[in-house]
Amino acid sequence: MKEQKKANLHNKKLRDCRAHLTDLKNPHRMDTTLFITEGDSASGSITIARDVNTQAVFSLKGKPLNCFGLTKKIVYENEEFNLLQNALSIEDGLETLRYSRIVIATDADVDGMHIRLLLLTFFLQFFPELVKNNHVYILQTPLFRVRNKKETIYCYSDIERQLAIQKLGVKPEITRFKGLGEISPDEFKNFIGKKIRLDPVTLQGESSLHGLLDYYMGKNTPERQEFIISNLRIEEELEVGTQEQIADAEMEVV
């Protein structure tokens, strides 16, 4: 297809790596990773911090299209989807997939969660085999940095933050990372290297896939509104819950 060949030559969204999953003789082929992230600041930090041999970066511009219910024609008409498909080289199936792991790396806020859902909708709608064959992951990055002059602790939850404060003592410096772009490249190396934390995206029951996508990404329904209202918790409730979880964690340590 001419559109696909053109994208091969001009994939402006991709900062590629040297090794690929299709390099059958390369001993590092199973370590190849494509990070999908949003914006120049976040993608810039990951690009500087990455291992250029095995880690590639694909940069989104804002939120991708909600493709639920659309035909695959949209993959070729939408520039970002077309370039993402091209970067992965999956137009004709997984035999030519260029990376072992596809890692969605977005901010840990409402917009970041929405982007995750939109990307997962894209993969599940058009390329479910990527998920079924365990190629898709979510990157965990720290929400807080707690440090004093002697030690730095990165925290992935509010519970970890409060435990870190207790450990480091009087008035440690606390930084809240509002987005991936606020994490320096030097720090990012700690989170995408050997200690990388990844949540695999898995499917349980293929028959419920359409219903799941329809529930979360389809038209707003009374059922979804009721679910949101029933599960909505105010900040004070969350704080009380956190304190209870910290107490439980301390009991386990003792």
Protein backbone atom coordinates (compact mmCIF):
# COMPACT_ATOMS: atom_id res chain seq x y z
CA MET A 1 0.00 0.00 0.00
CA LYS A 2 1.41 3.39 -1.02
CA GLU A 3 0.28 5.12 2.18
CA GLN A 4 2.12 2.52 4.25
CA LYS A 5 5.35 2.83 2.23
CA LYS A 6 5.27 6.61 2.55
CA ALA A 7 4.89 6.31 6.31
CA ASN A 8 7.90 3.99 6.42
CA LEU A 9 10.10 6.73 5.03
CA HIS A 10 8.64 9.61 7.02
CA ASN A 11 7.58 8.38 10.46
CA LYS A 12 8.11 11.67 12.26
CA LYS A 13 6.57 10.32 15.48
CA LEU A 14 9.13 7.54 15.97
CA ARG A 15 12.56 7.65 17.55
CA ASP A 16 13.69 4.14 16.73
CA CYS A 17 16.16 1.79 18.41
CA ARG A 18 18.84 -0.38 16.82
CA ALA A 19 17.54 -3.88 17.58
CA HIS A 20 14.11 -5.23 16.64
CA LEU A 21 12.05 -8.31 17.42
CA THR A 22 12.40 -9.39 13.80
CA ASP A 23 16.22 -9.58 14.15
CA LEU A 24 16.18 -13.32 14.80
CA LYS A 25 19.93 -13.52 15.44
CA ASN A 26 20.03 -10.60 17.86
CA PRO A 27 20.30 -11.82 21.49
CA HIS A 28 18.47 -8.70 22.71
CA ARG A 29 15.44 -8.98 20.43
CA MET A 30 13.11 -9.98 23.29
CA ASP A 31 14.09 -6.85 25.22
CA THR A 32 12.97 -4.49 22.45
CA THR A 33 10.42 -1.96 23.69
CA LEU A 34 8.34 0.81 22.14
CA PHE A 35 7.24 3.49 24.61
CA ILE A 36 4.10 5.34 23.53
CA THR A 37 3.93 8.68 25.30
CA GLU A 38 2.27 12.06 25.00
CA GLY A 39 3.88 15.39 24.28
CA ASP A 40 7.38 16.61 23.59
CA SER A 41 8.46 17.03 27.22
CA ALA A 42 7.66 13.47 28.30
CA SER A 43 8.92 11.88 25.09
CA GLY A 44 12.05 14.04 25.29
CA SER A 45 12.94 12.79 28.77
CA ILE A 46 12.36 9.15 27.82
CA THR A 47 14.32 9.57 24.58
CA ILE A 48 17.36 10.93 26.44
CA ALA A 49 17.14 8.32 29.23
CA ARG A 50 16.44 5.25 27.08
CA ASP A 51 18.76 2.51 25.91
CA VAL A 52 19.12 3.32 22.21
CA ASN A 53 19.88 -0.32 21.45
CA THR A 54 16.54 -1.74 22.57
CA GLN A 55 14.16 1.11 23.47
CA ALA A 56 12.20 3.20 20.95
CA VAL A 57 9.81 6.10 21.58
CA PHE A 58 6.59 7.05 19.77
CA SER A 59 5.27 10.51 20.61
CA LEU A 60 1.57 11.32 20.54
CA LYS A 61 0.21 14.82 20.11
CA GLY A 62 -2.66 15.17 22.54
CA LYS A 63 -5.42 12.61 22.88
CA PRO A 64 -5.86 10.10 20.05
CA LEU A 65 -9.24 9.52 18.43
CA ASN A 66 -11.80 7.29 20.15
CA CYS A 67 -11.98 4.66 17.43
CA PHE A 68 -14.60 2.43 19.05
CA GLY A 69 -17.18 1.35 16.49
CA LEU A 70 -15.19 2.73 13.55
CA THR A 71 -13.92 0.66 10.63
CA LYS A 72 -10.24 -0.07 10.04
CA LYS A 73 -10.29 2.55 7.29
CA ILE A 74 -9.73 5.08 10.09
CA VAL A 75 -6.28 3.54 10.73
CA TYR A 76 -5.15 4.85 7.35
CA GLU A 77 -7.05 8.14 7.42
CA ASN A 78 -5.90 9.15 10.92
CA GLU A 79 -2.24 10.21 10.80
CA GLU A 80 -1.30 9.12 14.31
CA PHE A 81 -2.93 5.68 14.03
CA ASN A 82 -1.36 5.18 10.62
CA LEU A 83 2.09 6.09 11.89
CA LEU A 84 1.69 3.98 15.04
CA GLN A 85 0.64 0.96 13.02
CA ASN A 86 3.60 1.61 10.76
CA ALA A 87 6.05 1.95 13.65
CA LEU A 88 4.91 -1.44 14.96
CA SER A 89 4.81 -2.93 11.44
CA ILE A 90 1.61 -4.88 12.12
CA GLU A 91 -0.49 -4.09 9.06
CA ASP A 92 -0.31 -7.70 7.86
CA GLY A 93 -0.14 -9.46 11.23
CA LEU A 94 2.18 -10.05 14.18
CA GLU A 95 4.82 -11.88 12.15
CA THR A 96 6.49 -8.56 11.37
CA LEU A 97 6.02 -6.93 14.81
CA ARG A 98 9.17 -4.90 15.47
CA TYR A 99 9.09 -4.72 19.29
CA SER A 100 8.55 -7.36 21.94
CA ARG A 101 6.89 -4.94 24.35
CA ILE A 102 4.54 -2.05 23.64
CA VAL A 103 4.51 0.17 26.71
CA ILE A 104 1.92 2.91 27.21
CA ALA A 105 3.63 5.68 29.20
CA THR A 106 1.19 8.44 30.16
CA ASP A 107 0.76 10.83 33.07
CA ALA A 108 -0.90 9.43 36.20
CA ASP A 109 -3.82 11.87 36.01
CA VAL A 110 -7.30 11.93 34.48
CA ASP A 111 -6.03 12.93 31.03
CA GLY A 112 -3.31 10.28 31.15
CA MET A 113 -5.82 7.59 32.10
CA HIS A 114 -8.08 8.69 29.25
CA ILE A 115 -5.22 8.41 26.76
CA ARG A 116 -4.50 4.90 28.05
CA LEU A 117 -8.11 3.92 27.41
CA LEU A 118 -8.07 5.41 23.92
CA LEU A 119 -4.87 3.52 23.02
CA LEU A 120 -6.16 0.27 24.49
CA THR A 121 -9.37 0.75 22.51
CA PHE A 122 -7.29 1.12 19.34
CA PHE A 123 -5.33 -2.08 20.03
CA LEU A 124 -8.33 -4.13 21.15
CA GLN A 125 -10.51 -2.91 18.29
CA PHE A 126 -8.07 -3.55 15.45
CA PHE A 127 -5.13 -5.59 16.80
CA PRO A 128 -6.40 -7.72 19.73
CA GLU A 129 -3.69 -10.31 19.06
CA LEU A 130 -1.15 -7.87 20.50
CA VAL A 131 -2.91 -8.08 23.86
CA LYS A 132 -3.68 -11.79 23.62
CA ASN A 133 0.01 -12.51 23.00
CA ASN A 134 1.15 -10.40 25.97
CA HIS A 135 2.82 -7.57 24.07
CA VAL A 136 1.02 -4.59 25.69
CA TYR A 137 1.96 -3.04 29.04
CA ILE A 138 1.36 0.06 31.17
CA LEU A 139 4.44 1.82 32.56
CA GLN A 140 4.42 2.63 36.26
CA THR A 141 6.23 5.83 37.17
CA PRO A 142 6.57 7.40 40.64
CA LEU A 143 4.08 9.96 41.87
CA PHE A 144 6.36 11.39 44.55
CA ARG A 145 10.03 11.86 45.40
CA VAL A 146 10.84 12.04 49.11
CA ARG A 147 14.43 12.81 50.07
CA ASN A 148 16.83 14.25 52.59
CA LYS A 149 20.56 14.85 52.30
CA LYS A 150 21.35 11.14 52.69
CA GLU A 151 18.60 9.25 50.86
CA THR A 152 16.05 9.56 48.05
CA ILE A 153 12.91 7.42 47.94
CA TYR A 154 10.60 7.29 44.90
CA CYS A 155 6.99 6.54 45.78
CA TYR A 156 4.38 5.04 43.50
CA SER A 157 1.41 5.69 45.81
CA ASP A 158 0.35 7.94 48.67
CA ILE A 159 0.90 5.05 51.06
CA GLU A 160 4.52 4.74 49.96
CA ARG A 161 4.89 8.52 50.30
CA GLN A 162 3.76 8.58 53.90
CA LEU A 163 5.89 5.58 54.82
CA ALA A 164 8.89 7.30 53.21
CA ILE A 165 8.23 10.44 55.26
CA GLN A 166 8.17 8.36 58.43
CA LYS A 167 11.41 6.65 57.46
CA LEU A 168 13.36 9.80 56.58
CA GLY A 169 12.32 11.74 59.65
CA VAL A 170 11.85 15.46 60.19
CA LYS A 171 10.71 17.56 57.22
CA PRO A 172 12.12 15.73 54.18
CA GLU A 173 11.83 17.38 50.77
CA ILE A 174 8.71 16.13 48.99
CA THR A 175 8.14 16.53 45.24
CA ARG A 176 4.86 15.62 43.54
CA PHE A 177 5.41 14.64 39.91
CA LYS A 178 2.41 16.10 38.08
CA GLY A 179 3.51 14.63 34.75
CA LEU A 180 6.23 12.60 33.11
CA GLY A 181 7.73 15.78 31.70
CA GLU A 182 8.64 16.86 35.24
CA ILE A 183 10.91 13.84 35.72
CA SER A 184 14.44 14.60 34.56
CA PRO A 185 16.18 12.25 32.11
CA ASP A 186 18.71 11.29 34.80
CA GLU A 187 15.87 10.17 37.06
CA PHE A 188 13.94 8.51 34.24
CA LYS A 189 16.82 6.05 33.82
CA ASN A 190 15.79 4.55 37.18
CA PHE A 191 12.28 3.82 35.94
CA ILE A 192 12.86 2.35 32.47
CA GLY A 193 15.99 0.32 33.20
CA LYS A 194 16.42 -2.98 35.03
CA LYS A 195 13.98 -1.89 37.77
CA ILE A 196 11.21 -0.99 35.34
CA ARG A 197 7.71 -1.56 36.70
CA LEU A 198 5.21 -2.76 34.12
CA ASP A 199 1.56 -3.76 34.43
CA PRO A 200 0.68 -6.28 31.70
CA VAL A 201 -2.58 -5.75 29.84
CA THR A 202 -4.48 -9.04 29.75
CA LEU A 203 -7.83 -10.30 28.49
CA GLN A 204 -10.20 -12.49 30.46
CA GLY A 205 -12.83 -14.01 28.22
CA GLU A 206 -12.80 -13.02 24.56
CA SER A 207 -16.58 -13.05 24.32
CA SER A 208 -16.88 -10.01 26.61
CA LEU A 209 -14.44 -7.83 24.67
CA HIS A 210 -17.03 -5.94 22.61
CA GLY A 211 -19.22 -5.43 25.64
CA LEU A 212 -16.28 -4.11 27.65
CA LEU A 213 -15.30 -1.60 24.98
CA ASP A 214 -18.91 -0.55 24.51
CA TYR A 215 -19.30 0.03 28.25
CA TYR A 216 -16.21 2.21 28.64
CA MET A 217 -15.82 3.82 25.21
CA GLY A 218 -19.31 3.76 23.70
CA LYS A 219 -22.12 6.26 24.21
CA ASN A 220 -22.78 7.34 27.79
CA THR A 221 -25.34 5.00 29.34
CA PRO A 222 -27.38 5.01 32.59
CA GLU A 223 -25.42 1.93 33.70
CA ARG A 224 -22.07 3.72 33.35
CA GLN A 225 -23.41 6.83 35.08
CA GLU A 226 -24.64 4.68 37.97
CA PHE A 227 -21.24 2.96 38.21
CA ILE A 228 -19.41 6.32 38.41
CA ILE A 229 -21.79 7.70 41.04
CA SER A 230 -21.60 4.51 43.12
CA ASN A 231 -17.79 4.43 43.06
CA LEU A 232 -17.10 8.15 43.46
CA ARG A 233 -15.15 8.91 46.64
CA ILE A 234 -14.33 12.34 48.03
CA GLU A 235 -10.82 13.32 49.06
CA GLU A 236 -11.49 13.00 52.81
CA GLU A 237 -12.62 9.40 52.37
CA LEU A 238 -9.51 8.58 50.35
CA GLU A 239 -7.29 10.11 53.05
CA VAL A 240 -8.94 8.00 55.78
CA GLY A 241 -8.54 4.89 53.66
CA THR A 242 -4.88 5.69 53.07
CA GLN A 243 -4.24 6.09 56.81
CA GLU A 244 -5.87 2.73 57.48
CA GLN A 245 -3.73 1.06 54.78
CA ILE A 246 -0.57 2.61 56.24
CA ALA A 247 -1.45 1.24 59.67
CA ASP A 248 -1.98 -2.21 58.13
CA ALA A 249 1.37 -1.96 56.31
CA GLU A 250 3.15 -1.01 59.54
CA MET A 251 1.55 -3.97 61.33
CA GLU A 252 2.88 -6.30 58.62
CA VAL A 253 6.38 -4.86 59.00
CA VAL A 254 6.28 -5.39 62.77
